[in-house]
C-alpha atoms as a PDB file:
ATOM      1  CA  UNK A   1      16.059  71.157-100.367  1.00  0.00           C
ATOM      2  CA  UNK A   2      18.461  66.959-100.849  1.00  0.00           C
ATOM      3  CA  UNK A   3      20.781  68.445 -98.050  1.00  0.00           C
ATOM      4  CA  UNK A   4      18.094  69.718 -95.419  1.00  0.00           C
ATOM      5  CA  UNK A   5      15.507  65.925 -95.836  1.00  0.00           C
ATOM      6  CA  UNK A   6      19.236  64.653 -95.016  1.00  0.00           C
ATOM      7  CA  UNK A   7      19.829  67.206 -92.283  1.00  0.00           C
ATOM      8  CA  UNK A   8      16.150  66.444 -90.605  1.00  0.00           C
ATOM      9  CA  UNK A   9      16.128  62.677 -91.479  1.00  0.00           C
ATOM     10  CA  UNK A  10      18.454  61.372 -88.495  1.00  0.00           C
ATOM     11  CA  UNK A  11      16.409  63.974 -85.853  1.00  0.00           C
ATOM     12  CA  UNK A  12      13.143  62.359 -87.100  1.00  0.00           C
ATOM     13  CA  UNK A  13      14.341  58.759 -86.959  1.00  0.00           C
ATOM     14  CA  UNK A  14      15.709  59.610 -83.480  1.00  0.00           C
ATOM     15  CA  UNK A  15      12.185  61.490 -82.439  1.00  0.00           C
ATOM     16  CA  UNK A  16      10.561  57.925 -83.902  1.00  0.00           C
ATOM     17  CA  UNK A  17      12.810  55.649 -82.155  1.00  0.00           C
ATOM     18  CA  UNK A  18      12.253  57.893 -79.113  1.00  0.00           C
ATOM     19  CA  UNK A  19       9.027  57.426 -79.461  1.00  0.00           C
ATOM     20  CA  UNK A  20       8.308  53.597 -80.053  1.00  0.00           C
ATOM     21  CA  UNK A  21      10.195  53.020 -77.049  1.00  0.00           C
ATOM     22  CA  UNK A  22       8.468  55.070 -74.778  1.00  0.00           C
ATOM     23  CA  UNK A  23       4.878  53.662 -76.036  1.00  0.00           C
ATOM     24  CA  UNK A  24       6.782  50.134 -75.721  1.00  0.00           C
ATOM     25  CA  UNK A  25       7.427  51.217 -72.418  1.00  0.00           C
ATOM     26  CA  UNK A  26       4.158  52.371 -71.442  1.00  0.00           C
ATOM     27  CA  UNK A  27       2.891  49.155 -72.406  1.00  0.00           C
ATOM     28  CA  UNK A  28       5.553  46.954 -70.722  1.00  0.00           C
ATOM     29  CA  UNK A  29       4.754  49.622 -67.522  1.00  0.00           C
ATOM     30  CA  UNK A  30       0.894  48.224 -67.643  1.00  0.00           C
ATOM     31  CA  UNK A  31       1.669  44.861 -67.667  1.00  0.00           C
ATOM     32  CA  UNK A  32       3.738  44.712 -65.271  1.00  0.00           C
ATOM     33  CA  UNK A  33       1.326  46.383 -63.186  1.00  0.00           C
ATOM     34  CA  UNK A  34      -1.606  44.045 -64.333  1.00  0.00           C
ATOM     35  CA  UNK A  35       0.510  41.018 -63.412  1.00  0.00           C
ATOM     36  CA  UNK A  36       1.657  43.042 -59.833  1.00  0.00           C
ATOM     37  CA  UNK A  37      -1.921  43.514 -59.329  1.00  0.00           C
ATOM     38  CA  UNK A  38      -3.713  40.125 -60.187  1.00  0.00           C
ATOM     39  CA  UNK A  39      -0.751  38.213 -58.240  1.00  0.00           C
ATOM     40  CA  UNK A  40      -1.233  40.434 -55.373  1.00  0.00           C
ATOM     41  CA  UNK A  41      -5.249  39.587 -55.526  1.00  0.00           C
ATOM     42  CA  UNK A  42      -4.480  35.766 -56.024  1.00  0.00           C
ATOM     43  CA  UNK A  43      -2.353  36.414 -53.045  1.00  0.00           C
ATOM     44  CA  UNK A  44      -4.949  37.764 -50.956  1.00  0.00           C
ATOM     45  CA  UNK A  45      -7.549  35.278 -52.058  1.00  0.00           C
ATOM     46  CA  UNK A  46      -5.428  32.690 -50.692  1.00  0.00           C
ATOM     47  CA  UNK A  47      -4.343  34.355 -47.872  1.00  0.00           C
ATOM     48  CA  UNK A  48      -8.858  34.502 -47.305  1.00  0.00           C
ATOM     49  CA  UNK A  49      -8.939  30.735 -47.933  1.00  0.00           C
ATOM     50  CA  UNK A  50      -5.389  30.131 -45.330  1.00  0.00           C
ATOM     51  CA  UNK A  51      -7.901  32.108 -42.545  1.00  0.00           C
ATOM     52  CA  UNK A  52     -10.825  30.167 -43.416  1.00  0.00           C
ATOM     53  CA  UNK A  53      -9.701  26.895 -43.031  1.00  0.00           C
ATOM     54  CA  UNK A  54      -7.702  27.539 -39.714  1.00  0.00           C
ATOM     55  CA  UNK A  55      -9.969  24.447 -37.894  1.00  0.00           C
ATOM     56  CA  UNK A  56      -9.831  22.570 -40.452  1.00  0.00           C
ATOM     57  CA  UNK A  57      -6.246  22.772 -40.419  1.00  0.00           C
ATOM     58  CA  UNK A  58      -5.790  22.359 -36.871  1.00  0.00           C
ATOM     59  CA  UNK A  59      -8.456  19.344 -36.549  1.00  0.00           C
ATOM     60  CA  UNK A  60      -8.301  16.686 -39.093  1.00  0.00           C
ATOM     61  CA  UNK A  61      -7.692  12.961 -39.666  1.00  0.00           C
ATOM     62  CA  UNK A  62      -4.690  13.451 -41.888  1.00  0.00           C
ATOM     63  CA  UNK A  63      -1.744  14.053 -38.461  1.00  0.00           C
ATOM     64  CA  UNK A  64      -0.858  16.891 -40.745  1.00  0.00           C
ATOM     65  CA  UNK A  65      -2.291  20.564 -41.168  1.00  0.00           C
ATOM     66  CA  UNK A  66      -3.924  20.002 -44.503  1.00  0.00           C
ATOM     67  CA  UNK A  67      -7.660  19.942 -46.038  1.00  0.00           C
ATOM     68  CA  UNK A  68      -8.917  17.998 -49.270  1.00  0.00           C
ATOM     69  CA  UNK A  69     -11.696  18.013 -51.486  1.00  0.00           C
ATOM     70  CA  UNK A  70     -12.980  16.765 -54.971  1.00  0.00           C
ATOM     71  CA  UNK A  71     -15.034  17.296 -57.660  1.00  0.00           C
ATOM     72  CA  UNK A  72     -16.554  15.073 -60.321  1.00  0.00           C
ATOM     73  CA  UNK A  73     -17.915  16.850 -63.424  1.00  0.00           C
ATOM     74  CA  UNK A  74     -19.492  15.317 -66.403  1.00  0.00           C
ATOM     75  CA  UNK A  75     -16.387  14.831 -68.097  1.00  0.00           C
ATOM     76  CA  UNK A  76     -13.800  15.999 -65.558  1.00  0.00           C
ATOM     77  CA  UNK A  77     -12.262  15.409 -62.367  1.00  0.00           C
ATOM     78  CA  UNK A  78     -10.339  17.688 -59.782  1.00  0.00           C
ATOM     79  CA  UNK A  79      -8.963  17.331 -56.300  1.00  0.00           C
ATOM     80  CA  UNK A  80      -7.540  20.360 -54.273  1.00  0.00           C
ATOM     81  CA  UNK A  81      -5.075  19.770 -51.290  1.00  0.00           C
ATOM     82  CA  UNK A  82      -4.724  23.141 -49.172  1.00  0.00           C
ATOM     83  CA  UNK A  83      -1.662  22.764 -46.600  1.00  0.00           C
ATOM     84  CA  UNK A  84       0.997  24.004 -44.507  1.00  0.00           C
ATOM     85  CA  UNK A  85       4.339  23.114 -44.983  1.00  0.00           C
ATOM     86  CA  UNK A  86       7.404  23.595 -42.835  1.00  0.00           C
ATOM     87  CA  UNK A  87       9.786  25.211 -45.124  1.00  0.00           C
ATOM     88  CA  UNK A  88      10.666  28.984 -45.984  1.00  0.00           C
ATOM     89  CA  UNK A  89       8.525  30.287 -48.742  1.00  0.00           C
ATOM     90  CA  UNK A  90      11.637  31.265 -50.642  1.00  0.00           C
ATOM     91  CA  UNK A  91      13.490  27.940 -50.492  1.00  0.00           C
ATOM     92  CA  UNK A  92       9.574  26.721 -52.612  1.00  0.00           C
ATOM     93  CA  UNK A  93       9.734  29.654 -54.885  1.00  0.00           C
ATOM     94  CA  UNK A  94      12.794  28.905 -55.503  1.00  0.00           C
ATOM     95  CA  UNK A  95      12.924  25.043 -56.068  1.00  0.00           C
ATOM     96  CA  UNK A  96       9.608  24.350 -57.869  1.00  0.00           C
ATOM     97  CA  UNK A  97       8.977  27.966 -59.818  1.00  0.00           C
ATOM     98  CA  UNK A  98      12.533  28.995 -61.368  1.00  0.00           C
ATOM     99  CA  UNK A  99      12.445  28.730 -65.234  1.00  0.00           C
ATOM    100  CA  UNK A 100      15.740  27.115 -65.288  1.00  0.00           C
ATOM    101  CA  UNK A 101      16.236  24.611 -62.707  1.00  0.00           C
ATOM    102  CA  UNK A 102      12.498  23.939 -61.756  1.00  0.00           C
ATOM    103  CA  UNK A 103      11.616  21.790 -64.633  1.00  0.00           C
ATOM    104  CA  UNK A 104      14.199  19.312 -63.443  1.00  0.00           C
ATOM    105  CA  UNK A 105      13.436  20.024 -59.563  1.00  0.00           C
ATOM    106  CA  UNK A 106       9.627  18.053 -60.886  1.00  0.00           C
ATOM    107  CA  UNK A 107      10.415  15.666 -62.747  1.00  0.00           C
ATOM    108  CA  UNK A 108      11.905  14.363 -59.151  1.00  0.00           C
ATOM    109  CA  UNK A 109       9.299  15.354 -57.647  1.00  0.00           C
ATOM    110  CA  UNK A 110       7.098  13.340 -60.095  1.00  0.00           C
ATOM    111  CA  UNK A 111       9.184  10.337 -59.762  1.00  0.00           C
ATOM    112  CA  UNK A 112       8.034   9.721 -56.381  1.00  0.00           C
ATOM    113  CA  UNK A 113       4.803   8.746 -56.913  1.00  0.00           C
ATOM    114  CA  UNK A 114       4.366   4.677 -58.260  1.00  0.00           C
ATOM    115  CA  UNK A 115       2.711   5.522 -61.360  1.00  0.00           C
ATOM    116  CA  UNK A 116       5.389   7.938 -62.823  1.00  0.00           C
ATOM    117  CA  UNK A 117       7.765   5.332 -64.645  1.00  0.00           C
ATOM    118  CA  UNK A 118      10.070   8.469 -66.382  1.00  0.00           C
ATOM    119  CA  UNK A 119      10.341  12.248 -66.563  1.00  0.00           C
ATOM    120  CA  UNK A 120      13.050  14.138 -68.738  1.00  0.00           C
ATOM    121  CA  UNK A 121      12.945  17.934 -68.657  1.00  0.00           C
ATOM    122  CA  UNK A 122      13.655  19.993 -71.849  1.00  0.00           C
ATOM    123  CA  UNK A 123      13.074  23.085 -73.510  1.00  0.00           C
ATOM    124  CA  UNK A 124      11.105  23.925 -76.849  1.00  0.00           C
ATOM    125  CA  UNK A 125      10.248  26.703 -78.715  1.00  0.00           C
ATOM    126  CA  UNK A 126       7.519  27.429 -76.203  1.00  0.00           C
ATOM    127  CA  UNK A 127       8.864  26.895 -73.206  1.00  0.00           C
ATOM    128  CA  UNK A 128      10.179  24.148 -70.785  1.00  0.00           C
ATOM    129  CA  UNK A 129       8.394  20.855 -71.093  1.00  0.00           C
ATOM    130  CA  UNK A 130       8.193  17.647 -69.101  1.00  0.00           C
ATOM    131  CA  UNK A 131       7.766  14.263 -70.787  1.00  0.00           C
ATOM    132  CA  UNK A 132       6.563  12.217 -68.504  1.00  0.00           C
ATOM    133  CA  UNK A 133       5.821   7.682 -68.651  1.00  0.00           C
ATOM    134  CA  UNK A 134       2.851   7.134 -66.636  1.00  0.00           C
ATOM    135  CA  UNK A 135       2.321   3.321 -66.313  1.00  0.00           C
ATOM    136  CA  UNK A 136       1.763   0.779 -63.741  1.00  0.00           C
ATOM    137  CA  UNK A 137       2.544   0.879 -59.814  1.00  0.00           C
ATOM    138  CA  UNK A 138       5.108  -1.852 -60.434  1.00  0.00           C
ATOM    139  CA  UNK A 139       8.413  -2.263 -62.443  1.00  0.00           C
ATOM    140  CA  UNK A 140       7.674  -1.814 -66.211  1.00  0.00           C
ATOM    141  CA  UNK A 141       9.391  -1.143 -69.343  1.00  0.00           C
ATOM    142  CA  UNK A 142       8.739   2.831 -70.642  1.00  0.00           C
ATOM    143  CA  UNK A 143       7.445   0.945 -74.336  1.00  0.00           C
ATOM    144  CA  UNK A 144       4.486  -0.375 -72.376  1.00  0.00           C
ATOM    145  CA  UNK A 145       3.934   3.020 -70.194  1.00  0.00           C
ATOM    146  CA  UNK A 146       2.278   6.359 -71.833  1.00  0.00           C
ATOM    147  CA  UNK A 147       3.792   9.460 -72.334  1.00  0.00           C
ATOM    148  CA  UNK A 148       2.343  12.944 -71.447  1.00  0.00           C
ATOM    149  CA  UNK A 149       3.930  16.050 -72.027  1.00  0.00           C
ATOM    150  CA  UNK A 150       3.722  18.428 -69.949  1.00  0.00           C
ATOM    151  CA  UNK A 151       4.164  22.236 -70.485  1.00  0.00           C
ATOM    152  CA  UNK A 152       5.555  24.342 -67.540  1.00  0.00           C
ATOM    153  CA  UNK A 153       4.425  27.287 -66.721  1.00  0.00           C
ATOM    154  CA  UNK A 154       5.765  29.725 -64.045  1.00  0.00           C
ATOM    155  CA  UNK A 155       2.991  31.825 -63.870  1.00  0.00           C
ATOM    156  CA  UNK A 156       3.507  34.447 -60.892  1.00  0.00           C
ATOM    157  CA  UNK A 157       6.700  34.708 -58.721  1.00  0.00           C
ATOM    158  CA  UNK A 158       6.654  37.496 -55.881  1.00  0.00           C
ATOM    159  CA  UNK A 159       7.928  37.679 -52.413  1.00  0.00           C
ATOM    160  CA  UNK A 160       4.616  36.904 -51.209  1.00  0.00           C
ATOM    161  CA  UNK A 161       3.035  34.875 -53.964  1.00  0.00           C
ATOM    162  CA  UNK A 162       4.128  32.051 -56.449  1.00  0.00           C
ATOM    163  CA  UNK A 163       2.163  29.705 -58.534  1.00  0.00           C
ATOM    164  CA  UNK A 164       3.545  27.362 -61.217  1.00  0.00           C
ATOM    165  CA  UNK A 165       1.253  25.199 -63.664  1.00  0.00           C
ATOM    166  CA  UNK A 166       2.206  22.018 -65.365  1.00  0.00           C
ATOM    167  CA  UNK A 167      -0.576  21.064 -68.621  1.00  0.00           C
ATOM    168  CA  UNK A 168      -0.460  18.826 -70.745  1.00  0.00           C
ATOM    169  CA  UNK A 169      -3.162  18.872 -73.898  1.00  0.00           C
ATOM    170  CA  UNK A 170      -3.736  15.068 -74.141  1.00  0.00           C
ATOM    171  CA  UNK A 171      -2.978  11.621 -71.894  1.00  0.00           C
ATOM    172  CA  UNK A 172      -3.716   8.229 -72.309  1.00  0.00           C
ATOM    173  CA  UNK A 173      -7.389   6.407 -72.941  1.00  0.00           C
ATOM    174  CA  UNK A 174      -8.733   9.293 -74.111  1.00  0.00           C
ATOM    175  CA  UNK A 175      -8.286  12.089 -71.090  1.00  0.00           C
ATOM    176  CA  UNK A 176      -7.035  15.557 -71.813  1.00  0.00           C
ATOM    177  CA  UNK A 177      -6.768  18.869 -70.306  1.00  0.00           C
ATOM    178  CA  UNK A 178      -4.330  17.828 -67.606  1.00  0.00           C
ATOM    179  CA  UNK A 179      -3.205  20.097 -64.711  1.00  0.00           C
ATOM    180  CA  UNK A 180      -1.167  20.330 -61.757  1.00  0.00           C
ATOM    181  CA  UNK A 181      -1.199  23.261 -60.151  1.00  0.00           C
ATOM    182  CA  UNK A 182       0.357  24.691 -57.177  1.00  0.00           C
ATOM    183  CA  UNK A 183      -0.036  28.189 -55.603  1.00  0.00           C
ATOM    184  CA  UNK A 184       1.587  29.284 -52.079  1.00  0.00           C
ATOM    185  CA  UNK A 185       2.043  32.164 -50.290  1.00  0.00           C
ATOM    186  CA  UNK A 186       4.544  32.338 -46.734  1.00  0.00           C
ATOM    187  CA  UNK A 187       2.211  31.909 -43.644  1.00  0.00           C
ATOM    188  CA  UNK A 188       5.329  32.343 -41.030  1.00  0.00           C
ATOM    189  CA  UNK A 189       9.249  32.509 -41.546  1.00  0.00           C
ATOM    190  CA  UNK A 190       9.701  29.284 -42.244  1.00  0.00           C
ATOM    191  CA  UNK A 191       6.106  28.347 -43.019  1.00  0.00           C
ATOM    192  CA  UNK A 192       4.390  27.837 -46.493  1.00  0.00           C
ATOM    193  CA  UNK A 193       0.816  27.490 -47.183  1.00  0.00           C
ATOM    194  CA  UNK A 194       0.163  25.619 -50.120  1.00  0.00           C
ATOM    195  CA  UNK A 195      -3.062  25.160 -53.175  1.00  0.00           C
ATOM    196  CA  UNK A 196      -2.392  21.947 -55.365  1.00  0.00           C
ATOM    197  CA  UNK A 197      -4.641  21.408 -57.694  1.00  0.00           C
ATOM    198  CA  UNK A 198      -4.412  18.038 -59.944  1.00  0.00           C
ATOM    199  CA  UNK A 199      -7.043  18.224 -62.528  1.00  0.00           C
ATOM    200  CA  UNK A 200      -7.902  16.020 -65.708  1.00  0.00           C
ATOM    201  CA  UNK A 201     -10.532  15.587 -68.312  1.00  0.00           C
ATOM    202  CA  UNK A 202     -11.668  12.224 -70.184  1.00  0.00           C
ATOM    203  CA  UNK A 203     -13.982  11.184 -72.982  1.00  0.00           C
ATOM    204  CA  UNK A 204     -15.489   8.029 -73.920  1.00  0.00           C
ATOM    205  CA  UNK A 205     -12.653   5.833 -73.719  1.00  0.00           C
ATOM    206  CA  UNK A 206     -11.157   7.228 -70.402  1.00  0.00           C
ATOM    207  CA  UNK A 207     -14.849   6.694 -68.774  1.00  0.00           C
ATOM    208  CA  UNK A 208     -14.868   3.138 -69.651  1.00  0.00           C
ATOM    209  CA  UNK A 209     -11.174   2.663 -68.803  1.00  0.00           C
ATOM    210  CA  UNK A 210     -11.575   4.041 -65.164  1.00  0.00           C
ATOM    211  CA  UNK A 211     -15.116   1.754 -64.875  1.00  0.00           C
ATOM    212  CA  UNK A 212     -13.715  -1.564 -65.643  1.00  0.00           C
ATOM    213  CA  UNK A 213     -10.527  -0.623 -63.087  1.00  0.00           C
ATOM    214  CA  UNK A 214     -13.048   0.600 -60.612  1.00  0.00           C
ATOM    215  CA  UNK A 215     -15.145  -2.706 -61.326  1.00  0.00           C
ATOM    216  CA  UNK A 216     -12.018  -4.988 -61.319  1.00  0.00           C
ATOM    217  CA  UNK A 217      -8.377  -4.254 -59.283  1.00  0.00           C
ATOM    218  CA  UNK A 218      -9.482  -0.829 -58.007  1.00  0.00           C
ATOM    219  CA  UNK A 219     -12.942  -2.155 -56.546  1.00  0.00           C
ATOM    220  CA  UNK A 220     -11.589  -1.812 -53.508  1.00  0.00           C
ATOM    221  CA  UNK A 221     -10.178   1.629 -53.602  1.00  0.00           C
ATOM    222  CA  UNK A 222     -11.515   4.474 -51.300  1.00  0.00           C
ATOM    223  CA  UNK A 223     -10.690   8.095 -51.203  1.00  0.00           C
ATOM    224  CA  UNK A 224     -10.203  10.669 -47.891  1.00  0.00           C
ATOM    225  CA  UNK A 225     -13.602  12.204 -48.170  1.00  0.00           C
ATOM    226  CA  UNK A 226     -16.855  10.478 -45.883  1.00  0.00           C
ATOM    227  CA  UNK A 227     -20.194  10.879 -47.186  1.00  0.00           C
ATOM    228  CA  UNK A 228     -23.453   8.647 -45.616  1.00  0.00           C
ATOM    229  CA  UNK A 229     -23.821   5.070 -47.134  1.00  0.00           C
ATOM    230  CA  UNK A 230     -27.138   4.797 -48.652  1.00  0.00           C
ATOM    231  CA  UNK A 231     -28.182   1.803 -47.464  1.00  0.00           C
ATOM    232  CA  UNK A 232     -27.189   2.141 -43.136  1.00  0.00           C
ATOM    233  CA  UNK A 233     -27.127   5.944 -43.617  1.00  0.00           C
ATOM    234  CA  UNK A 234     -23.052   5.136 -41.690  1.00  0.00           C
ATOM    235  CA  UNK A 235     -20.384   7.324 -42.685  1.00  0.00           C
ATOM    236  CA  UNK A 236     -18.320   5.766 -44.867  1.00  0.00           C
ATOM    237  CA  UNK A 237     -15.169   6.562 -47.327  1.00  0.00           C
ATOM    238  CA  UNK A 238     -15.893   7.497 -50.659  1.00  0.00           C
ATOM    239  CA  UNK A 239     -14.730   5.102 -53.727  1.00  0.00           C
ATOM    240  CA  UNK A 240     -15.503   5.514 -57.475  1.00  0.00           C
ATOM    241  CA  UNK A 241     -13.894   8.213 -59.580  1.00  0.00           C
ATOM    242  CA  UNK A 242     -13.305  10.894 -56.747  1.00  0.00           C
ATOM    243  CA  UNK A 243     -11.632   8.114 -54.396  1.00  0.00           C
ATOM    244  CA  UNK A 244      -9.039   7.610 -57.287  1.00  0.00           C
ATOM    245  CA  UNK A 245      -8.395  11.873 -57.567  1.00  0.00           C
ATOM    246  CA  UNK A 246      -7.961  12.375 -54.149  1.00  0.00           C
ATOM    247  CA  UNK A 247      -5.507   9.729 -53.632  1.00  0.00           C
ATOM    248  CA  UNK A 248      -3.648  10.700 -56.821  1.00  0.00           C
ATOM    249  CA  UNK A 249      -3.771  14.413 -55.422  1.00  0.00           C
ATOM    250  CA  UNK A 250      -2.830  13.259 -52.166  1.00  0.00           C
ATOM    251  CA  UNK A 251       0.324  10.981 -53.712  1.00  0.00           C
ATOM    252  CA  UNK A 252       1.826  14.405 -55.795  1.00  0.00           C
ATOM    253  CA  UNK A 253       1.263  16.246 -52.034  1.00  0.00           C
ATOM    254  CA  UNK A 254       3.099  14.020 -50.423  1.00  0.00           C
ATOM    255  CA  UNK A 255       6.426  14.066 -53.181  1.00  0.00           C
ATOM    256  CA  UNK A 256       6.215  18.203 -53.313  1.00  0.00           C
ATOM    257  CA  UNK A 257       6.585  17.844 -49.095  1.00  0.00           C
ATOM    258  CA  UNK A 258       9.007  14.610 -49.465  1.00  0.00           C
ATOM    259  CA  UNK A 259      11.233  16.699 -52.316  1.00  0.00           C
ATOM    260  CA  UNK A 260      11.213  19.858 -49.778  1.00  0.00           C
ATOM    261  CA  UNK A 261      12.272  17.759 -47.041  1.00  0.00           C
ATOM    262  CA  UNK A 262      15.024  15.930 -48.034  1.00  0.00           C
ATOM    263  CA  UNK A 263      16.651  19.581 -50.068  1.00  0.00           C
ATOM    264  CA  UNK A 264      18.432  19.555 -46.281  1.00  0.00           C
ATOM    265  CA  UNK A 265      20.204  16.516 -46.662  1.00  0.00           C
ATOM    266  CA  UNK A 266      23.675  15.951 -48.771  1.00  0.00           C
ATOM    267  CA  UNK A 267      23.323  15.427 -52.813  1.00  0.00           C
ATOM    268  CA  UNK A 268      24.099  12.259 -52.510  1.00  0.00           C
ATOM    269  CA  UNK A 269      21.803  10.943 -49.949  1.00  0.00           C
ATOM    270  CA  UNK A 270      18.845  12.944 -51.505  1.00  0.00           C
ATOM    271  CA  UNK A 271      17.156  10.575 -53.177  1.00  0.00           C
ATOM    272  CA  UNK A 272      16.956   8.097 -50.305  1.00  0.00           C
ATOM    273  CA  UNK A 273      15.331  10.526 -47.766  1.00  0.00           C
ATOM    274  CA  UNK A 274      12.526  11.567 -50.829  1.00  0.00           C
ATOM    275  CA  UNK A 275      12.513   7.721 -51.432  1.00  0.00           C
ATOM    276  CA  UNK A 276      11.850   6.857 -47.687  1.00  0.00           C
ATOM    277  CA  UNK A 277       9.932   9.738 -46.625  1.00  0.00           C
ATOM    278  CA  UNK A 278       7.345   9.623 -49.772  1.00  0.00           C
ATOM    279  CA  UNK A 279       6.448   6.552 -48.937  1.00  0.00           C
ATOM    280  CA  UNK A 280       6.536   6.745 -45.510  1.00  0.00           C
ATOM    281  CA  UNK A 281       3.714   9.132 -45.601  1.00  0.00           C
ATOM    282  CA  UNK A 282       1.679   7.110 -48.217  1.00  0.00           C
ATOM    283  CA  UNK A 283       1.867   4.471 -45.042  1.00  0.00           C
ATOM    284  CA  UNK A 284      -0.006   6.416 -42.482  1.00  0.00           C
ATOM    285  CA  UNK A 285      -2.922   6.146 -44.608  1.00  0.00           C
ATOM    286  CA  UNK A 286      -2.859   2.673 -45.782  1.00  0.00           C
ATOM    287  CA  UNK A 287      -6.545   2.375 -46.290  1.00  0.00           C
ATOM    288  CA  UNK A 288      -6.251   4.366 -49.305  1.00  0.00           C
ATOM    289  CA  UNK A 289      -2.241   4.549 -50.393  1.00  0.00           C
ATOM    290  CA  UNK A 290      -0.762   1.439 -49.627  1.00  0.00           C
ATOM    291  CA  UNK A 291       0.010  -0.452 -52.695  1.00  0.00           C
ATOM    292  CA  UNK A 292       3.902  -2.246 -52.445  1.00  0.00           C
ATOM    293  CA  UNK A 293       5.908  -2.900 -50.007  1.00  0.00           C
ATOM    294  CA  UNK A 294       8.641  -0.611 -49.164  1.00  0.00           C
ATOM    295  CA  UNK A 295      11.979  -2.692 -50.449  1.00  0.00           C
ATOM    296  CA  UNK A 296       9.286  -3.063 -53.874  1.00  0.00           C
ATOM    297  CA  UNK A 297       8.655   0.266 -54.109  1.00  0.00           C
ATOM    298  CA  UNK A 298      12.530   1.915 -53.450  1.00  0.00           C
ATOM    299  CA  UNK A 299      14.128  -1.007 -55.682  1.00  0.00           C
ATOM    300  CA  UNK A 300      11.796  -0.089 -58.390  1.00  0.00           C
ATOM    301  CA  UNK A 301      12.598   3.985 -57.895  1.00  0.00           C
ATOM    302  CA  UNK A 302      16.305   3.135 -57.666  1.00  0.00           C
ATOM    303  CA  UNK A 303      15.997   1.420 -61.084  1.00  0.00           C
ATOM    304  CA  UNK A 304      13.063   4.116 -62.774  1.00  0.00           C
ATOM    305  CA  UNK A 305      15.203   6.838 -61.395  1.00  0.00           C
ATOM    306  CA  UNK A 306      18.805   5.296 -63.007  1.00  0.00           C
ATOM    307  CA  UNK A 307      16.730   5.831 -65.790  1.00  0.00           C
ATOM    308  CA  UNK A 308      15.706   8.618 -66.060  1.00  0.00           C
ATOM    309  CA  UNK A 309      18.718  10.449 -65.881  1.00  0.00           C
ATOM    310  CA  UNK A 310      19.644   8.174 -69.341  1.00  0.00           C
ATOM    311  CA  UNK A 311      16.840   7.260 -71.326  1.00  0.00           C
ATOM    312  CA  UNK A 312      15.397  10.299 -73.388  1.00  0.00           C
END
């Protein structure tokens, strides 16, 4: 009897292992099919959005195929840009949605923004993390800026759809729930339609800080959307917090465009190409985005990029 059990046990164990492996494979297949179906649905939805914006992308004041909208919620702000970039979808996907190189590439995107003082990509137990310092639009030390930790999530990647998310639970001055989300689909051999979202929430301290800024240094700042002036009835650019989120959403969109545009340059020329292209693009909208001179911006960013290569 003992010998019989010894003989049958390996076969029984193999059967159990085979059953377990089959069950795990079935679950994996179901999850894969669900993820594929979700990506296909998102791609179809983004394609519908692209077709619905045909007129807005062709006729707008941005001098490029672009559509922008923003929302002001009770304790949150959100900006969305839909635009067509002249780069193949495969290049966009491989550059910004790659688990290995994507985080570092996003750092090179984010550092173009005037308020980004530093960005370093690393790997944690939960995945890739971007340590980003946010500060003034002029040069300053890292110790006087704010550190925000973004988690990097390459959510979806397929031959016709990508989605990558950067999220941070907390930020400076009681701001929270930061999200930078980019999704994209191909719309031709060498063109990509992207949807960029920039959003964050805020508490009492954040609300006070924004009101103080908008009442002082930012009192003359405006966004890109227009609304009737209550006193005159004439159309004017919006200001306030919606103008604030629209300006930053546009800066990040132009940073993505500038980064992708520099990839065709020799490696040692890409930084200068990115910086000059980003600055020139923002100067197309001086009423909203002009802050410093070209020389000051280039010098500041060269210094910050050098610091980014060495500081931790």
